[in-house]
Amino acid sequence: YFSKINEAVVKGWKKHKRITQNFCVPFGAVKIVIYDDRKDS
């Protein structure tokens, strides 16, 4: 799927329990922030 993100809009925070995300930006520029709260990591 694709997410259209308008200028200066922030989406999130989200965490999937089983799913691996594979992000790519084919149009524009996106800042992605990730945070690891896994206790065993």
PDB file of all heavy atoms in Angstrom:
ATOM      1  N   TYR A   1       0.833  -1.193   0.000  1.00  0.00           N
ATOM      2  CA  TYR A   1       0.000   0.000   0.000  1.00  0.00           C
ATOM      3  C   TYR A   1       0.872   1.249   0.000  1.00  0.00           C
ATOM      4  O   TYR A   1       2.075   1.191   0.236  1.00  0.00           O
ATOM      5  CB  TYR A   1      -0.968   0.011   1.188  1.00  0.00           C
ATOM      6  CG  TYR A   1      -0.332   0.067   2.553  1.00  0.00           C
ATOM      7  CD1 TYR A   1      -0.038   1.289   3.158  1.00  0.00           C
ATOM      8  CD2 TYR A   1      -0.039  -1.098   3.247  1.00  0.00           C
ATOM      9  CE1 TYR A   1       0.542   1.345   4.418  1.00  0.00           C
ATOM     10  CE2 TYR A   1       0.526  -1.047   4.505  1.00  0.00           C
ATOM     11  CZ  TYR A   1       0.816   0.178   5.081  1.00  0.00           C
ATOM     12  OH  TYR A   1       1.389   0.224   6.322  1.00  0.00           O
ATOM     13  N   PHE A   2       0.243   2.378  -0.288  1.00  0.00           N
ATOM     14  CA  PHE A   2       0.905   3.671  -0.319  1.00  0.00           C
ATOM     15  C   PHE A   2       0.222   4.598   0.680  1.00  0.00           C
ATOM     16  O   PHE A   2      -0.989   4.570   0.821  1.00  0.00           O
ATOM     17  CB  PHE A   2       0.806   4.309  -1.712  1.00  0.00           C
ATOM     18  CG  PHE A   2       1.438   3.497  -2.787  1.00  0.00           C
ATOM     19  CD1 PHE A   2       0.678   2.622  -3.545  1.00  0.00           C
ATOM     20  CD2 PHE A   2       2.790   3.601  -3.054  1.00  0.00           C
ATOM     21  CE1 PHE A   2       1.255   1.867  -4.544  1.00  0.00           C
ATOM     22  CE2 PHE A   2       3.379   2.853  -4.048  1.00  0.00           C
ATOM     23  CZ  PHE A   2       2.610   1.977  -4.804  1.00  0.00           C
ATOM     24  N   SER A   3       1.026   5.419   1.349  1.00  0.00           N
ATOM     25  CA  SER A   3       0.499   6.472   2.217  1.00  0.00           C
ATOM     26  C   SER A   3       0.890   7.805   1.601  1.00  0.00           C
ATOM     27  O   SER A   3       2.077   8.090   1.443  1.00  0.00           O
ATOM     28  CB  SER A   3       1.103   6.386   3.623  1.00  0.00           C
ATOM     29  OG  SER A   3       0.668   5.244   4.297  1.00  0.00           O
ATOM     30  N   LYS A   4      -0.103   8.610   1.253  1.00  0.00           N
ATOM     31  CA  LYS A   4       0.162   9.973   0.801  1.00  0.00           C
ATOM     32  C   LYS A   4       0.222  10.831   2.053  1.00  0.00           C
ATOM     33  O   LYS A   4      -0.699  10.832   2.858  1.00  0.00           O
ATOM     34  CB  LYS A   4      -0.937  10.472  -0.131  1.00  0.00           C
ATOM     35  CG  LYS A   4      -0.689  11.870  -0.651  1.00  0.00           C
ATOM     36  CD  LYS A   4      -1.804  12.322  -1.581  1.00  0.00           C
ATOM     37  CE  LYS A   4      -1.563  13.743  -2.065  1.00  0.00           C
ATOM     38  NZ  LYS A   4      -2.680  14.214  -2.899  1.00  0.00           N
ATOM     39  N   ILE A   5       1.321  11.559   2.206  1.00  0.00           N
ATOM     40  CA  ILE A   5       1.533  12.371   3.399  1.00  0.00           C
ATOM     41  C   ILE A   5       1.665  13.820   2.957  1.00  0.00           C
ATOM     42  O   ILE A   5       2.514  14.147   2.119  1.00  0.00           O
ATOM     43  CB  ILE A   5       2.810  11.954   4.149  1.00  0.00           C
ATOM     44  CG1 ILE A   5       2.884  10.431   4.277  1.00  0.00           C
ATOM     45  CG2 ILE A   5       2.884  12.623   5.513  1.00  0.00           C
ATOM     46  CD1 ILE A   5       4.285   9.910   4.440  1.00  0.00           C
ATOM     47  N   ASN A   6       0.837  14.672   3.482  1.00  0.00           N
ATOM     48  CA  ASN A   6       0.896  16.089   3.130  1.00  0.00           C
ATOM     49  C   ASN A   6       2.070  16.768   3.833  1.00  0.00           C
ATOM     50  O   ASN A   6       2.529  16.314   4.888  1.00  0.00           O
ATOM     51  CB  ASN A   6      -0.417  16.777   3.476  1.00  0.00           C
ATOM     52  CG  ASN A   6      -1.543  16.293   2.587  1.00  0.00           C
ATOM     53  OD1 ASN A   6      -1.331  15.917   1.438  1.00  0.00           O
ATOM     54  ND2 ASN A   6      -2.744  16.270   3.118  1.00  0.00           N
ATOM     55  N   GLU A   7       2.524  17.868   3.246  1.00  0.00           N
ATOM     56  CA  GLU A   7       3.679  18.614   3.737  1.00  0.00           C
ATOM     57  C   GLU A   7       3.575  18.909   5.231  1.00  0.00           C
ATOM     58  O   GLU A   7       2.542  19.383   5.713  1.00  0.00           O
ATOM     59  CB  GLU A   7       3.782  19.934   2.962  1.00  0.00           C
ATOM     60  CG  GLU A   7       4.953  20.783   3.316  1.00  0.00           C
ATOM     61  CD  GLU A   7       5.041  22.040   2.459  1.00  0.00           C
ATOM     62  OE1 GLU A   7       4.356  22.116   1.412  1.00  0.00           O
ATOM     63  OE2 GLU A   7       5.794  22.941   2.835  1.00  0.00           O
ATOM     64  N   ALA A   8       4.637  18.589   5.967  1.00  0.00           N
ATOM     65  CA  ALA A   8       4.795  18.847   7.399  1.00  0.00           C
ATOM     66  C   ALA A   8       3.857  18.033   8.292  1.00  0.00           C
ATOM     67  O   ALA A   8       3.826  18.246   9.502  1.00  0.00           O
ATOM     68  CB  ALA A   8       4.662  20.331   7.710  1.00  0.00           C
ATOM     69  N   VAL A   9       3.123  17.093   7.744  1.00  0.00           N
ATOM     70  CA  VAL A   9       2.225  16.249   8.537  1.00  0.00           C
ATOM     71  C   VAL A   9       3.015  15.064   9.104  1.00  0.00           C
ATOM     72  O   VAL A   9       3.815  14.445   8.403  1.00  0.00           O
ATOM     73  CB  VAL A   9       1.030  15.751   7.697  1.00  0.00           C
ATOM     74  CG1 VAL A   9       0.236  14.684   8.436  1.00  0.00           C
ATOM     75  CG2 VAL A   9       0.138  16.921   7.313  1.00  0.00           C
ATOM     76  N   VAL A  10       2.758  14.761  10.385  1.00  0.00           N
ATOM     77  CA  VAL A  10       3.386  13.625  11.052  1.00  0.00           C
ATOM     78  C   VAL A  10       2.335  12.551  11.279  1.00  0.00           C
ATOM     79  O   VAL A  10       1.236  12.844  11.758  1.00  0.00           O
ATOM     80  CB  VAL A  10       3.993  14.032  12.414  1.00  0.00           C
ATOM     81  CG1 VAL A  10       4.638  12.829  13.099  1.00  0.00           C
ATOM     82  CG2 VAL A  10       4.998  15.161  12.246  1.00  0.00           C
ATOM     83  N   LYS A  11       2.654  11.309  10.935  1.00  0.00           N
ATOM     84  CA  LYS A  11       1.776  10.166  11.194  1.00  0.00           C
ATOM     85  C   LYS A  11       2.494   9.195  12.127  1.00  0.00           C
ATOM     86  O   LYS A  11       3.703   9.023  12.039  1.00  0.00           O
ATOM     87  CB  LYS A  11       1.402   9.457   9.890  1.00  0.00           C
ATOM     88  CG  LYS A  11       0.547  10.299   8.961  1.00  0.00           C
ATOM     89  CD  LYS A  11       0.106   9.484   7.763  1.00  0.00           C
ATOM     90  CE  LYS A  11      -0.818  10.268   6.865  1.00  0.00           C
ATOM     91  NZ  LYS A  11      -1.350   9.439   5.780  1.00  0.00           N
ATOM     92  N   GLY A  12       1.750   8.516  12.973  1.00  0.00           N
ATOM     93  CA  GLY A  12       2.344   7.556  13.903  1.00  0.00           C
ATOM     94  C   GLY A  12       1.969   7.956  15.305  1.00  0.00           C
ATOM     95  O   GLY A  12       1.158   8.858  15.476  1.00  0.00           O
ATOM     96  N   TRP A  13       2.480   7.355  16.241  1.00  0.00           N
ATOM     97  CA  TRP A  13       3.340   6.201  16.399  1.00  0.00           C
ATOM     98  C   TRP A  13       2.540   4.914  16.209  1.00  0.00           C
ATOM     99  O   TRP A  13       1.400   4.832  16.616  1.00  0.00           O
ATOM    100  CB  TRP A  13       3.962   6.184  17.793  1.00  0.00           C
ATOM    101  CG  TRP A  13       4.915   7.292  18.028  1.00  0.00           C
ATOM    102  CD1 TRP A  13       4.661   8.462  18.683  1.00  0.00           C
ATOM    103  CD2 TRP A  13       6.279   7.357  17.617  1.00  0.00           C
ATOM    104  NE1 TRP A  13       5.794   9.243  18.714  1.00  0.00           N
ATOM    105  CE2 TRP A  13       6.797   8.582  18.061  1.00  0.00           C
ATOM    106  CE3 TRP A  13       7.113   6.512  16.908  1.00  0.00           C
ATOM    107  CZ2 TRP A  13       8.116   8.972  17.828  1.00  0.00           C
ATOM    108  CZ3 TRP A  13       8.418   6.894  16.676  1.00  0.00           C
ATOM    109  CH2 TRP A  13       8.909   8.109  17.137  1.00  0.00           C
ATOM    110  N   LYS A  14       3.230   3.917  15.628  1.00  0.00           N
ATOM    111  CA  LYS A  14       2.599   2.624  15.411  1.00  0.00           C
ATOM    112  C   LYS A  14       3.647   1.533  15.593  1.00  0.00           C
ATOM    113  O   LYS A  14       4.824   1.729  15.303  1.00  0.00           O
ATOM    114  CB  LYS A  14       1.994   2.551  14.002  1.00  0.00           C
ATOM    115  CG  LYS A  14       1.092   1.366  13.785  1.00  0.00           C
ATOM    116  CD  LYS A  14       0.296   1.538  12.507  1.00  0.00           C
ATOM    117  CE  LYS A  14      -0.794   0.494  12.418  1.00  0.00           C
ATOM    118  NZ  LYS A  14      -1.664   0.728  11.270  1.00  0.00           N
ATOM    119  N   LYS A  15       3.184   0.388  16.080  1.00  0.00           N
ATOM    120  CA  LYS A  15       4.056  -0.774  16.259  1.00  0.00           C
ATOM    121  C   LYS A  15       3.264  -2.006  15.871  1.00  0.00           C
ATOM    122  O   LYS A  15       2.149  -2.216  16.350  1.00  0.00           O
ATOM    123  CB  LYS A  15       4.507  -0.864  17.715  1.00  0.00           C
ATOM    124  CG  LYS A  15       5.258  -2.134  18.064  1.00  0.00           C
ATOM    125  CD  LYS A  15       5.853  -2.126  19.460  1.00  0.00           C
ATOM    126  CE  LYS A  15       4.829  -2.244  20.538  1.00  0.00           C
ATOM    127  NZ  LYS A  15       5.433  -2.397  21.887  1.00  0.00           N
ATOM    128  N   HIS A  16       3.827  -2.815  14.992  1.00  0.00           N
ATOM    129  CA  HIS A  16       3.189  -4.073  14.595  1.00  0.00           C
ATOM    130  C   HIS A  16       3.731  -5.217  15.442  1.00  0.00           C
ATOM    131  O   HIS A  16       4.921  -5.260  15.738  1.00  0.00           O
ATOM    132  CB  HIS A  16       3.417  -4.353  13.106  1.00  0.00           C
ATOM    133  CG  HIS A  16       2.608  -3.466  12.228  1.00  0.00           C
ATOM    134  ND1 HIS A  16       1.287  -3.714  11.952  1.00  0.00           N
ATOM    135  CD2 HIS A  16       2.914  -2.316  11.594  1.00  0.00           C
ATOM    136  CE1 HIS A  16       0.811  -2.765  11.163  1.00  0.00           C
ATOM    137  NE2 HIS A  16       1.788  -1.895  10.935  1.00  0.00           N
ATOM    138  N   LYS A  17       2.861  -6.144  15.787  1.00  0.00           N
ATOM    139  CA  LYS A  17       3.247  -7.275  16.627  1.00  0.00           C
ATOM    140  C   LYS A  17       3.913  -8.395  15.828  1.00  0.00           C
ATOM    141  O   LYS A  17       4.793  -9.082  16.350  1.00  0.00           O
ATOM    142  CB  LYS A  17       2.023  -7.811  17.367  1.00  0.00           C
ATOM    143  CG  LYS A  17       1.414  -6.780  18.306  1.00  0.00           C
ATOM    144  CD  LYS A  17       0.084  -7.245  18.861  1.00  0.00           C
ATOM    145  CE  LYS A  17      -0.564  -6.116  19.665  1.00  0.00           C
ATOM    146  NZ  LYS A  17      -1.949  -6.426  20.009  1.00  0.00           N
ATOM    147  N   ARG A  18       3.485  -8.590  14.563  1.00  0.00           N
ATOM    148  CA  ARG A  18       4.020  -9.681  13.742  1.00  0.00           C
ATOM    149  C   ARG A  18       4.602  -9.196  12.408  1.00  0.00           C
ATOM    150  O   ARG A  18       5.410  -9.890  11.812  1.00  0.00           O
ATOM    151  CB  ARG A  18       2.914 -10.694  13.428  1.00  0.00           C
ATOM    152  CG  ARG A  18       2.338 -11.401  14.607  1.00  0.00           C
ATOM    153  CD  ARG A  18       1.311 -12.465  14.183  1.00  0.00           C
ATOM    154  NE  ARG A  18       0.291 -11.954  13.275  1.00  0.00           N
ATOM    155  CZ  ARG A  18      -0.885 -11.440  13.657  1.00  0.00           C
ATOM    156  NH1 ARG A  18      -1.190 -11.372  14.928  1.00  0.00           N
ATOM    157  NH2 ARG A  18      -1.756 -11.016  12.770  1.00  0.00           N
ATOM    158  N   ILE A  19       4.170  -8.056  11.934  1.00  0.00           N
ATOM    159  CA  ILE A  19       4.461  -7.615  10.565  1.00  0.00           C
ATOM    160  C   ILE A  19       5.802  -6.897  10.456  1.00  0.00           C
ATOM    161  O   ILE A  19       6.152  -6.080  11.290  1.00  0.00           O
ATOM    162  CB  ILE A  19       3.324  -6.699  10.056  1.00  0.00           C
ATOM    163  CG1 ILE A  19       2.053  -7.524   9.839  1.00  0.00           C
ATOM    164  CG2 ILE A  19       3.716  -5.956   8.800  1.00  0.00           C
ATOM    165  CD1 ILE A  19       0.845  -6.705   9.438  1.00  0.00           C
ATOM    166  N   THR A  20       6.526  -7.215   9.384  1.00  0.00           N
ATOM    167  CA  THR A  20       7.737  -6.482   9.002  1.00  0.00           C
ATOM    168  C   THR A  20       7.338  -5.422   7.983  1.00  0.00           C
ATOM    169  O   THR A  20       6.630  -5.717   7.016  1.00  0.00           O
ATOM    170  CB  THR A  20       8.779  -7.423   8.378  1.00  0.00           C
ATOM    171  OG1 THR A  20       9.174  -8.382   9.370  1.00  0.00           O
ATOM    172  CG2 THR A  20      10.000  -6.665   7.890  1.00  0.00           C
ATOM    173  N   GLN A  21       7.783  -4.182   8.219  1.00  0.00           N
ATOM    174  CA  GLN A  21       7.526  -3.060   7.302  1.00  0.00           C
ATOM    175  C   GLN A  21       8.674  -2.976   6.303  1.00  0.00           C
ATOM    176  O   GLN A  21       9.835  -3.137   6.682  1.00  0.00           O
ATOM    177  CB  GLN A  21       7.486  -1.733   8.069  1.00  0.00           C
ATOM    178  CG  GLN A  21       6.607  -1.720   9.288  1.00  0.00           C
ATOM    179  CD  GLN A  21       5.152  -1.815   8.931  1.00  0.00           C
ATOM    180  OE1 GLN A  21       4.639  -1.073   8.106  1.00  0.00           O
ATOM    181  NE2 GLN A  21       4.479  -2.751   9.545  1.00  0.00           N
ATOM    182  N   ASN A  22       8.372  -2.685   5.058  1.00  0.00           N
ATOM    183  CA  ASN A  22       9.382  -2.449   4.018  1.00  0.00           C
ATOM    184  C   ASN A  22       9.045  -1.128   3.349  1.00  0.00           C
ATOM    185  O   ASN A  22       8.274  -1.078   2.391  1.00  0.00           O
ATOM    186  CB  ASN A  22       9.403  -3.600   3.008  1.00  0.00           C
ATOM    187  CG  ASN A  22       9.953  -4.860   3.609  1.00  0.00           C
ATOM    188  OD1 ASN A  22      11.141  -4.964   3.858  1.00  0.00           O
ATOM    189  ND2 ASN A  22       9.084  -5.820   3.875  1.00  0.00           N
ATOM    190  N   PHE A  23       9.619  -0.039   3.894  1.00  0.00           N
ATOM    191  CA  PHE A  23       9.310   1.310   3.451  1.00  0.00           C
ATOM    192  C   PHE A  23      10.224   1.757   2.315  1.00  0.00           C
ATOM    193  O   PHE A  23      11.417   1.467   2.310  1.00  0.00           O
ATOM    194  CB  PHE A  23       9.491   2.317   4.590  1.00  0.00           C
ATOM    195  CG  PHE A  23       8.552   2.151   5.747  1.00  0.00           C
ATOM    196  CD1 PHE A  23       9.048   2.029   7.034  1.00  0.00           C
ATOM    197  CD2 PHE A  23       7.181   2.141   5.566  1.00  0.00           C
ATOM    198  CE1 PHE A  23       8.192   1.903   8.126  1.00  0.00           C
ATOM    199  CE2 PHE A  23       6.317   2.016   6.639  1.00  0.00           C
ATOM    200  CZ  PHE A  23       6.834   1.899   7.929  1.00  0.00           C
ATOM    201  N   CYS A  24       9.637   2.539   1.402  1.00  0.00           N
ATOM    202  CA  CYS A  24      10.358   3.142   0.295  1.00  0.00           C
ATOM    203  C   CYS A  24       9.597   4.422  -0.074  1.00  0.00           C
ATOM    204  O   CYS A  24       8.378   4.475   0.078  1.00  0.00           O
ATOM    205  CB  CYS A  24      10.376   2.160  -0.867  1.00  0.00           C
ATOM    206  SG  CYS A  24      11.122   2.778  -2.369  1.00  0.00           S
ATOM    207  N   VAL A  25      10.313   5.455  -0.520  1.00  0.00           N
ATOM    208  CA  VAL A  25       9.666   6.708  -0.891  1.00  0.00           C
ATOM    209  C   VAL A  25       9.920   6.985  -2.375  1.00  0.00           C
ATOM    210  O   VAL A  25      10.985   7.482  -2.740  1.00  0.00           O
ATOM    211  CB  VAL A  25      10.161   7.876  -0.009  1.00  0.00           C
ATOM    212  CG1 VAL A  25       9.528   9.189  -0.452  1.00  0.00           C
ATOM    213  CG2 VAL A  25       9.841   7.602   1.456  1.00  0.00           C
ATOM    214  N   PRO A  26       8.951   6.644  -3.249  1.00  0.00           N
ATOM    215  CA  PRO A  26       9.121   6.865  -4.685  1.00  0.00           C
ATOM    216  C   PRO A  26       8.812   8.290  -5.138  1.00  0.00           C
ATOM    217  O   PRO A  26       9.078   8.651  -6.286  1.00  0.00           O
ATOM    218  CB  PRO A  26       8.141   5.878  -5.315  1.00  0.00           C
ATOM    219  CG  PRO A  26       7.066   5.732  -4.286  1.00  0.00           C
ATOM    220  CD  PRO A  26       7.748   5.865  -2.957  1.00  0.00           C
ATOM    221  N   PHE A  27       8.244   9.110  -4.238  1.00  0.00           N
ATOM    222  CA  PHE A  27       7.927  10.495  -4.591  1.00  0.00           C
ATOM    223  C   PHE A  27       8.036  11.371  -3.347  1.00  0.00           C
ATOM    224  O   PHE A  27       7.391  11.097  -2.334  1.00  0.00           O
ATOM    225  CB  PHE A  27       6.511  10.596  -5.167  1.00  0.00           C
ATOM    226  CG  PHE A  27       6.118  12.001  -5.534  1.00  0.00           C
ATOM    227  CD1 PHE A  27       6.463  12.537  -6.770  1.00  0.00           C
ATOM    228  CD2 PHE A  27       5.448  12.803  -4.637  1.00  0.00           C
ATOM    229  CE1 PHE A  27       6.121  13.835  -7.104  1.00  0.00           C
ATOM    230  CE2 PHE A  27       5.092  14.101  -4.954  1.00  0.00           C
ATOM    231  CZ  PHE A  27       5.440  14.625  -6.196  1.00  0.00           C
ATOM    232  N   GLY A  28       8.870  12.396  -3.402  1.00  0.00           N
ATOM    233  CA  GLY A  28       9.007  13.324  -2.289  1.00  0.00           C
ATOM    234  C   GLY A  28      10.059  12.885  -1.296  1.00  0.00           C
ATOM    235  O   GLY A  28      10.951  12.090  -1.607  1.00  0.00           O
ATOM    236  N   ALA A  29       9.943  13.411  -0.067  1.00  0.00           N
ATOM    237  CA  ALA A  29      10.905  13.113   1.000  1.00  0.00           C
ATOM    238  C   ALA A  29      10.160  12.902   2.312  1.00  0.00           C
ATOM    239  O   ALA A  29       9.260  13.661   2.660  1.00  0.00           O
ATOM    240  CB  ALA A  29      11.906  14.244   1.142  1.00  0.00           C
ATOM    241  N   VAL A  30      10.556  11.854   3.031  1.00  0.00           N
ATOM    242  CA  VAL A  30       9.916  11.485   4.289  1.00  0.00           C
ATOM    243  C   VAL A  30      10.991  11.214   5.337  1.00  0.00           C
ATOM    244  O   VAL A  30      11.951  10.491   5.080  1.00  0.00           O
ATOM    245  CB  VAL A  30       9.031  10.220   4.121  1.00  0.00           C
ATOM    246  CG1 VAL A  30       8.447   9.774   5.451  1.00  0.00           C
ATOM    247  CG2 VAL A  30       7.929  10.462   3.113  1.00  0.00           C
ATOM    248  N   LYS A  31      10.796  11.803   6.513  1.00  0.00           N
ATOM    249  CA  LYS A  31      11.643  11.500   7.660  1.00  0.00           C
ATOM    250  C   LYS A  31      10.924  10.410   8.451  1.00  0.00           C
ATOM    251  O   LYS A  31       9.756  10.568   8.815  1.00  0.00           O
ATOM    252  CB  LYS A  31      11.829  12.731   8.529  1.00  0.00           C
ATOM    253  CG  LYS A  31      12.647  12.491   9.775  1.00  0.00           C
ATOM    254  CD  LYS A  31      12.752  13.791  10.565  1.00  0.00           C
ATOM    255  CE  LYS A  31      13.557  13.641  11.809  1.00  0.00           C
ATOM    256  NZ  LYS A  31      13.666  14.928  12.531  1.00  0.00           N
ATOM    257  N   ILE A  32      11.621   9.284   8.681  1.00  0.00           N
ATOM    258  CA  ILE A  32      11.055   8.168   9.437  1.00  0.00           C
ATOM    259  C   ILE A  32      11.863   8.024  10.721  1.00  0.00           C
ATOM    260  O   ILE A  32      13.089   7.991  10.690  1.00  0.00           O
ATOM    261  CB  ILE A  32      11.096   6.852   8.628  1.00  0.00           C
ATOM    262  CG1 ILE A  32      10.333   7.013   7.313  1.00  0.00           C
ATOM    263  CG2 ILE A  32      10.528   5.695   9.456  1.00  0.00           C
ATOM    264  CD1 ILE A  32      10.445   5.827   6.376  1.00  0.00           C
ATOM    265  N   VAL A  33      11.153   7.960  11.841  1.00  0.00           N
ATOM    266  CA  VAL A  33      11.784   7.774  13.142  1.00  0.00           C
ATOM    267  C   VAL A  33      11.321   6.435  13.691  1.00  0.00           C
ATOM    268  O   VAL A  33      10.128   6.122  13.653  1.00  0.00           O
ATOM    269  CB  VAL A  33      11.406   8.913  14.110  1.00  0.00           C
ATOM    270  CG1 VAL A  33      12.036   8.678  15.479  1.00  0.00           C
ATOM    271  CG2 VAL A  33      11.840  10.256  13.540  1.00  0.00           C
ATOM    272  N   ILE A  34      12.272   5.642  14.173  1.00  0.00           N
ATOM    273  CA  ILE A  34      11.923   4.359  14.771  1.00  0.00           C
ATOM    274  C   ILE A  34      12.492   4.308  16.192  1.00  0.00           C
ATOM    275  O   ILE A  34      13.525   4.917  16.491  1.00  0.00           O
ATOM    276  CB  ILE A  34      12.394   3.152  13.926  1.00  0.00           C
ATOM    277  CG1 ILE A  34      13.895   3.187  13.685  1.00  0.00           C
ATOM    278  CG2 ILE A  34      11.654   3.111  12.608  1.00  0.00           C
ATOM    279  CD1 ILE A  34      14.405   1.986  12.928  1.00  0.00           C
ATOM    280  N   TYR A  35      11.778   3.603  17.052  1.00  0.00           N
ATOM    281  CA  TYR A  35      12.158   3.490  18.457  1.00  0.00           C
ATOM    282  C   TYR A  35      12.035   2.037  18.896  1.00  0.00           C
ATOM    283  O   TYR A  35      11.018   1.384  18.664  1.00  0.00           O
ATOM    284  CB  TYR A  35      11.252   4.376  19.323  1.00  0.00           C
ATOM    285  CG  TYR A  35      11.392   4.128  20.801  1.00  0.00           C
ATOM    286  CD1 TYR A  35      12.614   4.324  21.444  1.00  0.00           C
ATOM    287  CD2 TYR A  35      10.312   3.684  21.552  1.00  0.00           C
ATOM    288  CE1 TYR A  35      12.747   4.078  22.804  1.00  0.00           C
ATOM    289  CE2 TYR A  35      10.438   3.445  22.917  1.00  0.00           C
ATOM    290  CZ  TYR A  35      11.662   3.637  23.536  1.00  0.00           C
ATOM    291  OH  TYR A  35      11.794   3.402  24.876  1.00  0.00           O
ATOM    292  N   ASP A  36      13.085   1.541  19.536  1.00  0.00           N
ATOM    293  CA  ASP A  36      13.134   0.153  19.989  1.00  0.00           C
ATOM    294  C   ASP A  36      12.837   0.082  21.485  1.00  0.00           C
ATOM    295  O   ASP A  36      13.661   0.486  22.306  1.00  0.00           O
ATOM    296  CB  ASP A  36      14.528  -0.411  19.710  1.00  0.00           C
ATOM    297  CG  ASP A  36      14.647  -1.901  19.975  1.00  0.00           C
ATOM    298  OD1 ASP A  36      13.643  -2.514  20.415  1.00  0.00           O
ATOM    299  OD2 ASP A  36      15.735  -2.456  19.747  1.00  0.00           O
ATOM    300  N   ASP A  37      11.651  -0.428  21.844  1.00  0.00           N
ATOM    301  CA  ASP A  37      11.345  -0.628  23.264  1.00  0.00           C
ATOM    302  C   ASP A  37      11.284  -2.119  23.620  1.00  0.00           C
ATOM    303  O   ASP A  37      10.780  -2.486  24.684  1.00  0.00           O
ATOM    304  CB  ASP A  37      10.050   0.090  23.665  1.00  0.00           C
ATOM    305  CG  ASP A  37       8.782  -0.577  23.146  1.00  0.00           C
ATOM    306  OD1 ASP A  37       8.867  -1.405  22.201  1.00  0.00           O
ATOM    307  OD2 ASP A  37       7.703  -0.276  23.669  1.00  0.00           O
ATOM    308  N   ARG A  38      11.842  -2.960  22.756  1.00  0.00           N
ATOM    309  CA  ARG A  38      11.867  -4.399  23.022  1.00  0.00           C
ATOM    310  C   ARG A  38      12.837  -4.666  24.180  1.00  0.00           C
ATOM    311  O   ARG A  38      14.020  -4.335  24.091  1.00  0.00           O
ATOM    312  CB  ARG A  38      12.302  -5.177  21.778  1.00  0.00           C
ATOM    313  CG  ARG A  38      11.371  -4.988  20.590  1.00  0.00           C
ATOM    314  CD  ARG A  38      11.948  -5.581  19.325  1.00  0.00           C
ATOM    315  NE  ARG A  38      13.140  -4.807  18.916  1.00  0.00           N
ATOM    316  CZ  ARG A  38      13.913  -5.118  17.888  1.00  0.00           C
ATOM    317  NH1 ARG A  38      13.652  -6.188  17.156  1.00  0.00           N
ATOM    318  NH2 ARG A  38      14.961  -4.368  17.571  1.00  0.00           N
ATOM    319  N   LYS A  39      12.333  -5.251  25.234  1.00  0.00           N
ATOM    320  CA  LYS A  39      13.132  -5.488  26.445  1.00  0.00           C
ATOM    321  C   LYS A  39      14.332  -6.400  26.190  1.00  0.00           C
ATOM    322  O   LYS A  39      15.387  -6.234  26.789  1.00  0.00           O
ATOM    323  CB  LYS A  39      12.266  -6.104  27.547  1.00  0.00           C
ATOM    324  CG  LYS A  39      11.041  -5.285  27.898  1.00  0.00           C
ATOM    325  CD  LYS A  39      11.401  -4.000  28.605  1.00  0.00           C
ATOM    326  CE  LYS A  39      10.171  -3.250  29.054  1.00  0.00           C
ATOM    327  NZ  LYS A  39       9.861  -2.076  28.273  1.00  0.00           N
ATOM    328  N   ASP A  40      14.182  -7.380  25.282  1.00  0.00           N
ATOM    329  CA  ASP A  40      15.247  -8.346  25.018  1.00  0.00           C
ATOM    330  C   ASP A  40      16.185  -7.933  23.887  1.00  0.00           C
ATOM    331  O   ASP A  40      17.052  -8.695  23.486  1.00  0.00           O
ATOM    332  CB  ASP A  40      14.636  -9.711  24.712  1.00  0.00           C
ATOM    333  CG  ASP A  40      13.708  -9.686  23.505  1.00  0.00           C
ATOM    334  OD1 ASP A  40      13.293  -8.588  23.081  1.00  0.00           O
ATOM    335  OD2 ASP A  40      13.391 -10.773  22.992  1.00  0.00           O
ATOM    336  N   SER A  41      16.049  -6.722  23.385  1.00  0.00           N
ATOM    337  CA  SER A  41      16.869  -6.251  22.277  1.00  0.00           C
ATOM    338  C   SER A  41      18.160  -5.615  22.788  1.00  0.00           C
ATOM    339  O   SER A  41      18.154  -4.891  23.788  1.00  0.00           O
ATOM    340  CB  SER A  41      16.084  -5.217  21.456  1.00  0.00           C
ATOM    341  OG  SER A  41      16.927  -4.589  20.514  1.00  0.00           O
TER     342      SER A  41
END
